[in-house]
């Protein structure tokens, strides 16, 4: 600011420099404050954003009738530690069927399918089968297969009442609503695409983020997806490679078979096995 004083014209009064400096500083501060304030879109723009968000989400939701995806998954968190990346193939037939198959260089690591509210999983390297009925209670997520499908497709939709109470931020808007005992918060960008969604139920939370997308407009699809629980037990990063939308699913998509000599463990049995393994380390 001293440079301004050195270049003052002789015709200006001595008090001009301090006043001019205050004016410049005030303009900079005012500009910064204005730039930092997120403005709510005009009513017409908000309606347009809601329409766009719902239209594109509905299109992605329709693909979940029969969806195949290949992705690279990286897990970390207190429950698993940082694990090597694995190739995962997902098959979805929303609302009640899903299957995940994880592969590494040595072959199949995990084959798991959800039908309605029951999980059946096979871990060949451990010769271990797991069966979890009432999966939604264990995960804290209603309709687990539907939730997984929507997480992969980012086909979340907020009710109209949530749009009426939208809160602006620098990248779009934030929407919040309740559904029974669940509290949902959805962040949407200026293009109507989900940036993040958070589910809170019974004191537990789950967050799905969408930091990268591929394509534009109605054909946009998540490129990178990040999932995390609120306690830091599990963090997953999914980098999507291929996505195929079929006309209909096939029964073989969700047929996980266990060897005849393997009796699947129930959830409580599995917890005891894990506790013994941890104690032995």
C-alpha atoms as a PDB file:
ATOM      1  CA  UNK A   1       0.000   0.000   0.000  1.00  0.00           C
ATOM      2  CA  UNK A   2       3.036   2.343   0.425  1.00  0.00           C
ATOM      3  CA  UNK A   3       3.484   2.220  -3.362  1.00  0.00           C
ATOM      4  CA  UNK A   4       0.129   3.942  -3.761  1.00  0.00           C
ATOM      5  CA  UNK A   5       1.280   6.728  -1.487  1.00  0.00           C
ATOM      6  CA  UNK A   6       4.533   7.258  -3.441  1.00  0.00           C
ATOM      7  CA  UNK A   7       2.645   7.737  -6.698  1.00  0.00           C
ATOM      8  CA  UNK A   8       0.048  10.203  -5.378  1.00  0.00           C
ATOM      9  CA  UNK A   9      -0.363  13.198  -7.626  1.00  0.00           C
ATOM     10  CA  UNK A  10       0.791  16.553  -6.134  1.00  0.00           C
ATOM     11  CA  UNK A  11      -2.673  17.957  -6.843  1.00  0.00           C
ATOM     12  CA  UNK A  12      -4.305  15.538  -4.395  1.00  0.00           C
ATOM     13  CA  UNK A  13      -4.682  16.497  -0.754  1.00  0.00           C
ATOM     14  CA  UNK A  14      -2.455  14.772   1.869  1.00  0.00           C
ATOM     15  CA  UNK A  15      -5.528  13.022   3.285  1.00  0.00           C
ATOM     16  CA  UNK A  16      -6.275  11.347  -0.084  1.00  0.00           C
ATOM     17  CA  UNK A  17      -3.792   8.463   0.330  1.00  0.00           C
ATOM     18  CA  UNK A  18      -5.220   7.097   3.621  1.00  0.00           C
ATOM     19  CA  UNK A  19      -8.764   7.458   2.278  1.00  0.00           C
ATOM     20  CA  UNK A  20      -7.812   5.728  -0.979  1.00  0.00           C
ATOM     21  CA  UNK A  21      -6.113   2.868   0.901  1.00  0.00           C
ATOM     22  CA  UNK A  22      -9.202   2.387   3.068  1.00  0.00           C
ATOM     23  CA  UNK A  23     -11.371   2.396  -0.044  1.00  0.00           C
ATOM     24  CA  UNK A  24      -9.230  -0.279  -1.753  1.00  0.00           C
ATOM     25  CA  UNK A  25      -9.106  -2.483   1.366  1.00  0.00           C
ATOM     26  CA  UNK A  26     -12.848  -2.100   1.872  1.00  0.00           C
ATOM     27  CA  UNK A  27     -13.555  -3.039  -1.750  1.00  0.00           C
ATOM     28  CA  UNK A  28     -11.352  -6.150  -1.479  1.00  0.00           C
ATOM     29  CA  UNK A  29     -13.022  -7.262   1.754  1.00  0.00           C
ATOM     30  CA  UNK A  30     -16.500  -6.618   0.372  1.00  0.00           C
ATOM     31  CA  UNK A  31     -15.707  -8.526  -2.800  1.00  0.00           C
ATOM     32  CA  UNK A  32     -14.333 -11.468  -0.835  1.00  0.00           C
ATOM     33  CA  UNK A  33     -17.375 -11.535   1.426  1.00  0.00           C
ATOM     34  CA  UNK A  34     -19.766 -11.403  -1.522  1.00  0.00           C
ATOM     35  CA  UNK A  35     -17.896 -14.197  -3.298  1.00  0.00           C
ATOM     36  CA  UNK A  36     -18.020 -16.395  -0.211  1.00  0.00           C
ATOM     37  CA  UNK A  37     -21.781 -16.063   0.215  1.00  0.00           C
ATOM     38  CA  UNK A  38     -23.681 -18.805  -1.605  1.00  0.00           C
ATOM     39  CA  UNK A  39     -26.873 -17.509  -3.100  1.00  0.00           C
ATOM     40  CA  UNK A  40     -29.994 -19.624  -3.414  1.00  0.00           C
ATOM     41  CA  UNK A  41     -31.006 -19.980  -7.073  1.00  0.00           C
ATOM     42  CA  UNK A  42     -34.050 -18.026  -8.158  1.00  0.00           C
ATOM     43  CA  UNK A  43     -37.337 -19.966  -7.821  1.00  0.00           C
ATOM     44  CA  UNK A  44     -37.390 -20.768 -11.523  1.00  0.00           C
ATOM     45  CA  UNK A  45     -33.789 -21.943 -11.460  1.00  0.00           C
ATOM     46  CA  UNK A  46     -34.434 -24.102  -8.381  1.00  0.00           C
ATOM     47  CA  UNK A  47     -37.394 -25.750 -10.097  1.00  0.00           C
ATOM     48  CA  UNK A  48     -35.229 -26.366 -13.148  1.00  0.00           C
ATOM     49  CA  UNK A  49     -32.474 -27.889 -11.007  1.00  0.00           C
ATOM     50  CA  UNK A  50     -34.982 -30.141  -9.236  1.00  0.00           C
ATOM     51  CA  UNK A  51     -36.420 -31.271 -12.575  1.00  0.00           C
ATOM     52  CA  UNK A  52     -32.969 -32.004 -13.990  1.00  0.00           C
ATOM     53  CA  UNK A  53     -31.818 -33.862 -10.882  1.00  0.00           C
ATOM     54  CA  UNK A  54     -34.946 -36.030 -10.784  1.00  0.00           C
ATOM     55  CA  UNK A  55     -34.928 -36.755 -14.531  1.00  0.00           C
ATOM     56  CA  UNK A  56     -31.317 -37.901 -14.607  1.00  0.00           C
ATOM     57  CA  UNK A  57     -31.663 -39.876 -11.370  1.00  0.00           C
ATOM     58  CA  UNK A  58     -34.737 -41.664 -12.717  1.00  0.00           C
ATOM     59  CA  UNK A  59     -32.838 -42.598 -15.867  1.00  0.00           C
ATOM     60  CA  UNK A  60     -29.987 -44.097 -13.848  1.00  0.00           C
ATOM     61  CA  UNK A  61     -32.506 -45.836 -11.570  1.00  0.00           C
ATOM     62  CA  UNK A  62     -34.095 -47.580 -14.565  1.00  0.00           C
ATOM     63  CA  UNK A  63     -30.735 -49.141 -15.395  1.00  0.00           C
ATOM     64  CA  UNK A  64     -30.790 -50.984 -12.056  1.00  0.00           C
ATOM     65  CA  UNK A  65     -33.367 -53.424 -13.397  1.00  0.00           C
ATOM     66  CA  UNK A  66     -30.371 -55.337 -14.793  1.00  0.00           C
ATOM     67  CA  UNK A  67     -26.960 -53.755 -14.281  1.00  0.00           C
ATOM     68  CA  UNK A  68     -23.456 -55.195 -14.580  1.00  0.00           C
ATOM     69  CA  UNK A  69     -20.432 -53.183 -13.457  1.00  0.00           C
ATOM     70  CA  UNK A  70     -16.710 -53.802 -13.198  1.00  0.00           C
ATOM     71  CA  UNK A  71     -14.644 -51.733 -10.811  1.00  0.00           C
ATOM     72  CA  UNK A  72     -11.414 -51.569  -8.845  1.00  0.00           C
ATOM     73  CA  UNK A  73     -12.049 -51.448  -5.102  1.00  0.00           C
ATOM     74  CA  UNK A  74      -9.645 -50.262  -2.411  1.00  0.00           C
ATOM     75  CA  UNK A  75     -10.544 -50.852   1.237  1.00  0.00           C
ATOM     76  CA  UNK A  76      -9.156 -49.191   4.339  1.00  0.00           C
ATOM     77  CA  UNK A  77     -10.331 -48.382   7.838  1.00  0.00           C
ATOM     78  CA  UNK A  78     -10.073 -49.745  11.343  1.00  0.00           C
ATOM     79  CA  UNK A  79     -11.868 -52.981  10.493  1.00  0.00           C
ATOM     80  CA  UNK A  80      -9.614 -54.001   7.590  1.00  0.00           C
ATOM     81  CA  UNK A  81      -6.529 -51.823   7.574  1.00  0.00           C
ATOM     82  CA  UNK A  82      -5.310 -50.756   4.147  1.00  0.00           C
ATOM     83  CA  UNK A  83      -5.810 -53.628   1.718  1.00  0.00           C
ATOM     84  CA  UNK A  84      -4.511 -54.116  -1.843  1.00  0.00           C
ATOM     85  CA  UNK A  85      -6.808 -53.143  -4.672  1.00  0.00           C
ATOM     86  CA  UNK A  86      -9.064 -55.896  -6.023  1.00  0.00           C
ATOM     87  CA  UNK A  87     -11.186 -56.262  -9.147  1.00  0.00           C
ATOM     88  CA  UNK A  88     -14.893 -56.495  -8.375  1.00  0.00           C
ATOM     89  CA  UNK A  89     -17.783 -57.405 -10.603  1.00  0.00           C
ATOM     90  CA  UNK A  90     -21.228 -56.295  -9.456  1.00  0.00           C
ATOM     91  CA  UNK A  91     -24.596 -57.475 -10.713  1.00  0.00           C
ATOM     92  CA  UNK A  92     -27.756 -55.675  -9.631  1.00  0.00           C
ATOM     93  CA  UNK A  93     -31.434 -56.416 -10.137  1.00  0.00           C
ATOM     94  CA  UNK A  94     -33.103 -53.789  -7.989  1.00  0.00           C
ATOM     95  CA  UNK A  95     -34.836 -53.719  -5.626  1.00  0.00           C
ATOM     96  CA  UNK A  96     -33.973 -57.040  -4.009  1.00  0.00           C
ATOM     97  CA  UNK A  97     -31.018 -58.805  -5.655  1.00  0.00           C
ATOM     98  CA  UNK A  98     -27.310 -58.039  -5.842  1.00  0.00           C
ATOM     99  CA  UNK A  99     -24.078 -59.954  -6.243  1.00  0.00           C
ATOM    100  CA  UNK A 100     -20.433 -59.025  -5.736  1.00  0.00           C
ATOM    101  CA  UNK A 101     -17.479 -61.109  -6.915  1.00  0.00           C
ATOM    102  CA  UNK A 102     -13.983 -59.988  -5.908  1.00  0.00           C
ATOM    103  CA  UNK A 103     -10.953 -61.292  -7.788  1.00  0.00           C
ATOM    104  CA  UNK A 104      -7.201 -61.036  -7.229  1.00  0.00           C
ATOM    105  CA  UNK A 105      -4.256 -62.448  -9.154  1.00  0.00           C
ATOM    106  CA  UNK A 106      -4.682 -65.852  -7.529  1.00  0.00           C
ATOM    107  CA  UNK A 107      -8.382 -66.112  -8.341  1.00  0.00           C
ATOM    108  CA  UNK A 108     -11.723 -65.596  -6.620  1.00  0.00           C
ATOM    109  CA  UNK A 109     -11.550 -63.974  -3.189  1.00  0.00           C
ATOM    110  CA  UNK A 110     -15.228 -63.467  -2.419  1.00  0.00           C
ATOM    111  CA  UNK A 111     -18.544 -64.387  -3.978  1.00  0.00           C
ATOM    112  CA  UNK A 112     -21.515 -62.827  -2.202  1.00  0.00           C
ATOM    113  CA  UNK A 113     -25.154 -62.477  -3.149  1.00  0.00           C
ATOM    114  CA  UNK A 114     -28.074 -60.703  -1.528  1.00  0.00           C
ATOM    115  CA  UNK A 115     -31.599 -61.960  -2.144  1.00  0.00           C
ATOM    116  CA  UNK A 116     -34.290 -59.954  -0.419  1.00  0.00           C
ATOM    117  CA  UNK A 117     -32.788 -59.520   3.064  1.00  0.00           C
ATOM    118  CA  UNK A 118     -30.434 -62.521   3.184  1.00  0.00           C
ATOM    119  CA  UNK A 119     -26.713 -62.578   2.389  1.00  0.00           C
ATOM    120  CA  UNK A 120     -24.917 -65.735   1.268  1.00  0.00           C
ATOM    121  CA  UNK A 121     -21.150 -65.462   0.827  1.00  0.00           C
ATOM    122  CA  UNK A 122     -18.342 -67.850  -0.114  1.00  0.00           C
ATOM    123  CA  UNK A 123     -14.628 -67.252   0.576  1.00  0.00           C
ATOM    124  CA  UNK A 124     -12.777 -70.010  -1.323  1.00  0.00           C
ATOM    125  CA  UNK A 125      -9.321 -69.356   0.135  1.00  0.00           C
ATOM    126  CA  UNK A 126     -10.709 -69.837   3.654  1.00  0.00           C
ATOM    127  CA  UNK A 127     -13.222 -72.490   2.632  1.00  0.00           C
ATOM    128  CA  UNK A 128     -15.664 -70.386   4.571  1.00  0.00           C
ATOM    129  CA  UNK A 129     -19.340 -69.816   3.886  1.00  0.00           C
ATOM    130  CA  UNK A 130     -21.404 -67.137   5.597  1.00  0.00           C
ATOM    131  CA  UNK A 131     -25.161 -66.730   5.734  1.00  0.00           C
ATOM    132  CA  UNK A 132     -26.693 -63.597   7.246  1.00  0.00           C
ATOM    133  CA  UNK A 133     -30.482 -63.357   7.434  1.00  0.00           C
ATOM    134  CA  UNK A 134     -32.008 -59.999   8.365  1.00  0.00           C
ATOM    135  CA  UNK A 135     -29.088 -58.272   6.669  1.00  0.00           C
ATOM    136  CA  UNK A 136     -30.722 -54.866   6.916  1.00  0.00           C
ATOM    137  CA  UNK A 137     -30.624 -55.037  10.722  1.00  0.00           C
ATOM    138  CA  UNK A 138     -26.935 -55.983  10.667  1.00  0.00           C
ATOM    139  CA  UNK A 139     -25.983 -53.197   8.263  1.00  0.00           C
ATOM    140  CA  UNK A 140     -28.379 -50.555   9.513  1.00  0.00           C
ATOM    141  CA  UNK A 141     -29.608 -50.086   5.935  1.00  0.00           C
ATOM    142  CA  UNK A 142     -33.093 -50.924   4.731  1.00  0.00           C
ATOM    143  CA  UNK A 143     -33.247 -52.889   1.470  1.00  0.00           C
ATOM    144  CA  UNK A 144     -29.480 -53.522   1.143  1.00  0.00           C
ATOM    145  CA  UNK A 145     -29.615 -54.549  -2.537  1.00  0.00           C
ATOM    146  CA  UNK A 146     -31.502 -51.390  -3.470  1.00  0.00           C
ATOM    147  CA  UNK A 147     -29.094 -49.262  -1.434  1.00  0.00           C
ATOM    148  CA  UNK A 148     -26.069 -50.812  -3.193  1.00  0.00           C
ATOM    149  CA  UNK A 149     -27.636 -50.254  -6.595  1.00  0.00           C
ATOM    150  CA  UNK A 150     -28.410 -46.632  -5.874  1.00  0.00           C
ATOM    151  CA  UNK A 151     -24.927 -46.101  -4.475  1.00  0.00           C
ATOM    152  CA  UNK A 152     -23.403 -47.402  -7.734  1.00  0.00           C
ATOM    153  CA  UNK A 153     -25.799 -45.462  -9.982  1.00  0.00           C
ATOM    154  CA  UNK A 154     -26.113 -42.314  -7.841  1.00  0.00           C
ATOM    155  CA  UNK A 155     -29.859 -42.531  -8.444  1.00  0.00           C
ATOM    156  CA  UNK A 156     -30.831 -40.820  -5.193  1.00  0.00           C
ATOM    157  CA  UNK A 157     -33.896 -38.585  -5.263  1.00  0.00           C
ATOM    158  CA  UNK A 158     -34.993 -36.133  -2.617  1.00  0.00           C
ATOM    159  CA  UNK A 159     -38.713 -35.539  -2.023  1.00  0.00           C
ATOM    160  CA  UNK A 160     -40.210 -32.297  -3.267  1.00  0.00           C
ATOM    161  CA  UNK A 161     -40.532 -30.956   0.294  1.00  0.00           C
ATOM    162  CA  UNK A 162     -36.756 -31.205   0.682  1.00  0.00           C
ATOM    163  CA  UNK A 163     -36.255 -29.034  -2.392  1.00  0.00           C
ATOM    164  CA  UNK A 164     -38.558 -26.394  -0.924  1.00  0.00           C
ATOM    165  CA  UNK A 165     -36.198 -26.144   2.061  1.00  0.00           C
ATOM    166  CA  UNK A 166     -32.955 -26.373   0.061  1.00  0.00           C
ATOM    167  CA  UNK A 167     -29.853 -24.753   1.529  1.00  0.00           C
ATOM    168  CA  UNK A 168     -27.327 -23.263  -0.933  1.00  0.00           C
ATOM    169  CA  UNK A 169     -23.601 -23.835  -0.843  1.00  0.00           C
ATOM    170  CA  UNK A 170     -20.749 -22.903  -3.159  1.00  0.00           C
ATOM    171  CA  UNK A 171     -21.177 -25.997  -5.346  1.00  0.00           C
ATOM    172  CA  UNK A 172     -24.945 -26.366  -5.472  1.00  0.00           C
ATOM    173  CA  UNK A 173     -27.572 -27.098  -2.832  1.00  0.00           C
ATOM    174  CA  UNK A 174     -28.027 -29.282   0.240  1.00  0.00           C
ATOM    175  CA  UNK A 175     -31.288 -31.145   0.810  1.00  0.00           C
ATOM    176  CA  UNK A 176     -32.438 -32.839   4.005  1.00  0.00           C
ATOM    177  CA  UNK A 177     -35.416 -35.014   4.921  1.00  0.00           C
ATOM    178  CA  UNK A 178     -36.591 -37.816   7.190  1.00  0.00           C
ATOM    179  CA  UNK A 179     -37.990 -41.195   6.172  1.00  0.00           C
ATOM    180  CA  UNK A 180     -39.274 -43.037   9.220  1.00  0.00           C
ATOM    181  CA  UNK A 181     -36.298 -43.596  11.518  1.00  0.00           C
ATOM    182  CA  UNK A 182     -33.820 -42.537   8.817  1.00  0.00           C
ATOM    183  CA  UNK A 183     -32.363 -39.065   8.323  1.00  0.00           C
ATOM    184  CA  UNK A 184     -31.090 -38.289   4.827  1.00  0.00           C
ATOM    185  CA  UNK A 185     -28.935 -35.429   3.557  1.00  0.00           C
ATOM    186  CA  UNK A 186     -28.197 -35.053  -0.158  1.00  0.00           C
ATOM    187  CA  UNK A 187     -25.756 -32.597  -1.728  1.00  0.00           C
ATOM    188  CA  UNK A 188     -26.429 -31.808  -5.413  1.00  0.00           C
ATOM    189  CA  UNK A 189     -24.166 -29.898  -7.796  1.00  0.00           C
ATOM    190  CA  UNK A 190     -25.211 -27.215 -10.278  1.00  0.00           C
ATOM    191  CA  UNK A 191     -25.742 -29.883 -12.968  1.00  0.00           C
ATOM    192  CA  UNK A 192     -28.207 -31.798 -10.763  1.00  0.00           C
ATOM    193  CA  UNK A 193     -25.766 -34.635 -10.006  1.00  0.00           C
ATOM    194  CA  UNK A 194     -25.348 -36.005  -6.466  1.00  0.00           C
ATOM    195  CA  UNK A 195     -22.092 -34.942  -4.834  1.00  0.00           C
ATOM    196  CA  UNK A 196     -22.662 -36.737  -1.552  1.00  0.00           C
ATOM    197  CA  UNK A 197     -25.414 -38.444   0.401  1.00  0.00           C
ATOM    198  CA  UNK A 198     -25.510 -39.254   4.105  1.00  0.00           C
ATOM    199  CA  UNK A 199     -27.799 -41.687   5.892  1.00  0.00           C
ATOM    200  CA  UNK A 200     -28.160 -41.611   9.676  1.00  0.00           C
ATOM    201  CA  UNK A 201     -30.115 -44.370  11.426  1.00  0.00           C
ATOM    202  CA  UNK A 202     -30.065 -45.480  15.060  1.00  0.00           C
ATOM    203  CA  UNK A 203     -27.009 -43.351  15.762  1.00  0.00           C
ATOM    204  CA  UNK A 204     -25.025 -44.898  12.901  1.00  0.00           C
ATOM    205  CA  UNK A 205     -24.130 -43.036   9.730  1.00  0.00           C
ATOM    206  CA  UNK A 206     -23.070 -43.947   6.224  1.00  0.00           C
ATOM    207  CA  UNK A 207     -21.759 -41.535   3.607  1.00  0.00           C
ATOM    208  CA  UNK A 208     -21.452 -42.021  -0.160  1.00  0.00           C
ATOM    209  CA  UNK A 209     -19.451 -39.445  -2.144  1.00  0.00           C
ATOM    210  CA  UNK A 210     -19.136 -38.878  -5.881  1.00  0.00           C
ATOM    211  CA  UNK A 211     -15.914 -36.904  -6.502  1.00  0.00           C
ATOM    212  CA  UNK A 212     -15.666 -37.833 -10.204  1.00  0.00           C
ATOM    213  CA  UNK A 213     -18.173 -38.336 -13.016  1.00  0.00           C
ATOM    214  CA  UNK A 214     -17.818 -39.385 -16.640  1.00  0.00           C
ATOM    215  CA  UNK A 215     -19.994 -38.098 -19.430  1.00  0.00           C
ATOM    216  CA  UNK A 216     -22.363 -35.169 -19.228  1.00  0.00           C
ATOM    217  CA  UNK A 217     -26.043 -34.396 -19.229  1.00  0.00           C
ATOM    218  CA  UNK A 218     -28.537 -37.233 -18.964  1.00  0.00           C
ATOM    219  CA  UNK A 219     -25.848 -39.797 -19.804  1.00  0.00           C
ATOM    220  CA  UNK A 220     -23.524 -38.898 -16.914  1.00  0.00           C
ATOM    221  CA  UNK A 221     -22.425 -41.779 -14.688  1.00  0.00           C
ATOM    222  CA  UNK A 222     -20.257 -41.915 -11.526  1.00  0.00           C
ATOM    223  CA  UNK A 223     -16.588 -42.545 -12.255  1.00  0.00           C
ATOM    224  CA  UNK A 224     -15.329 -42.680  -8.673  1.00  0.00           C
ATOM    225  CA  UNK A 225     -17.397 -43.523  -5.608  1.00  0.00           C
ATOM    226  CA  UNK A 226     -16.298 -43.314  -1.978  1.00  0.00           C
ATOM    227  CA  UNK A 227     -18.170 -44.985   0.865  1.00  0.00           C
ATOM    228  CA  UNK A 228     -17.461 -44.600   4.577  1.00  0.00           C
ATOM    229  CA  UNK A 229     -19.211 -45.256   7.845  1.00  0.00           C
ATOM    230  CA  UNK A 230     -19.268 -42.559  10.478  1.00  0.00           C
ATOM    231  CA  UNK A 231     -17.012 -44.442  12.906  1.00  0.00           C
ATOM    232  CA  UNK A 232     -14.157 -45.002  10.470  1.00  0.00           C
ATOM    233  CA  UNK A 233     -14.466 -48.793  10.508  1.00  0.00           C
ATOM    234  CA  UNK A 234     -14.651 -49.157   6.742  1.00  0.00           C
ATOM    235  CA  UNK A 235     -13.678 -46.857   3.890  1.00  0.00           C
ATOM    236  CA  UNK A 236     -14.065 -47.982   0.298  1.00  0.00           C
ATOM    237  CA  UNK A 237     -12.991 -46.312  -2.938  1.00  0.00           C
ATOM    238  CA  UNK A 238     -14.573 -47.624  -6.118  1.00  0.00           C
ATOM    239  CA  UNK A 239     -13.097 -46.707  -9.496  1.00  0.00           C
ATOM    240  CA  UNK A 240     -15.571 -47.728 -12.160  1.00  0.00           C
ATOM    241  CA  UNK A 241     -14.217 -49.385 -15.309  1.00  0.00           C
ATOM    242  CA  UNK A 242     -17.179 -50.747 -17.290  1.00  0.00           C
ATOM    243  CA  UNK A 243     -20.929 -50.566 -16.885  1.00  0.00           C
ATOM    244  CA  UNK A 244     -23.409 -52.591 -18.916  1.00  0.00           C
ATOM    245  CA  UNK A 245     -27.165 -52.072 -18.888  1.00  0.00           C
ATOM    246  CA  UNK A 246     -29.010 -55.268 -19.800  1.00  0.00           C
ATOM    247  CA  UNK A 247     -32.687 -55.561 -20.658  1.00  0.00           C
ATOM    248  CA  UNK A 248     -33.278 -58.097 -17.916  1.00  0.00           C
ATOM    249  CA  UNK A 249     -31.293 -60.079 -15.370  1.00  0.00           C
ATOM    250  CA  UNK A 250     -30.706 -63.836 -15.433  1.00  0.00           C
ATOM    251  CA  UNK A 251     -31.197 -66.213 -12.474  1.00  0.00           C
ATOM    252  CA  UNK A 252     -27.574 -67.345 -12.790  1.00  0.00           C
ATOM    253  CA  UNK A 253     -26.420 -63.846 -11.879  1.00  0.00           C
ATOM    254  CA  UNK A 254     -27.314 -64.405  -8.235  1.00  0.00           C
ATOM    255  CA  UNK A 255     -26.587 -68.128  -7.821  1.00  0.00           C
ATOM    256  CA  UNK A 256     -23.847 -68.456  -5.198  1.00  0.00           C
ATOM    257  CA  UNK A 257     -23.091 -72.119  -4.519  1.00  0.00           C
ATOM    258  CA  UNK A 258     -21.163 -73.593  -1.601  1.00  0.00           C
ATOM    259  CA  UNK A 259     -19.369 -76.966  -1.614  1.00  0.00           C
ATOM    260  CA  UNK A 260     -21.457 -79.765  -0.136  1.00  0.00           C
ATOM    261  CA  UNK A 261     -19.054 -80.207   2.774  1.00  0.00           C
ATOM    262  CA  UNK A 262     -19.234 -76.514   3.787  1.00  0.00           C
ATOM    263  CA  UNK A 263     -21.886 -75.404   6.256  1.00  0.00           C
ATOM    264  CA  UNK A 264     -22.295 -71.631   6.202  1.00  0.00           C
ATOM    265  CA  UNK A 265     -21.679 -69.768   9.425  1.00  0.00           C
ATOM    266  CA  UNK A 266     -24.316 -67.488  10.809  1.00  0.00           C
ATOM    267  CA  UNK A 267     -23.369 -63.940  11.765  1.00  0.00           C
ATOM    268  CA  UNK A 268     -22.838 -64.694  15.460  1.00  0.00           C
ATOM    269  CA  UNK A 269     -20.630 -67.687  14.564  1.00  0.00           C
ATOM    270  CA  UNK A 270     -18.580 -65.469  12.274  1.00  0.00           C
ATOM    271  CA  UNK A 271     -18.149 -62.865  15.009  1.00  0.00           C
ATOM    272  CA  UNK A 272     -16.778 -65.538  17.357  1.00  0.00           C
ATOM    273  CA  UNK A 273     -14.324 -66.745  14.696  1.00  0.00           C
ATOM    274  CA  UNK A 274     -13.097 -63.195  14.085  1.00  0.00           C
ATOM    275  CA  UNK A 275     -12.707 -62.594  17.830  1.00  0.00           C
ATOM    276  CA  UNK A 276     -10.595 -65.779  18.176  1.00  0.00           C
ATOM    277  CA  UNK A 277      -8.393 -64.786  15.243  1.00  0.00           C
ATOM    278  CA  UNK A 278      -7.807 -61.326  16.714  1.00  0.00           C
ATOM    279  CA  UNK A 279      -7.022 -62.791  20.117  1.00  0.00           C
ATOM    280  CA  UNK A 280      -4.450 -65.148  18.596  1.00  0.00           C
ATOM    281  CA  UNK A 281      -2.537 -62.333  16.901  1.00  0.00           C
END
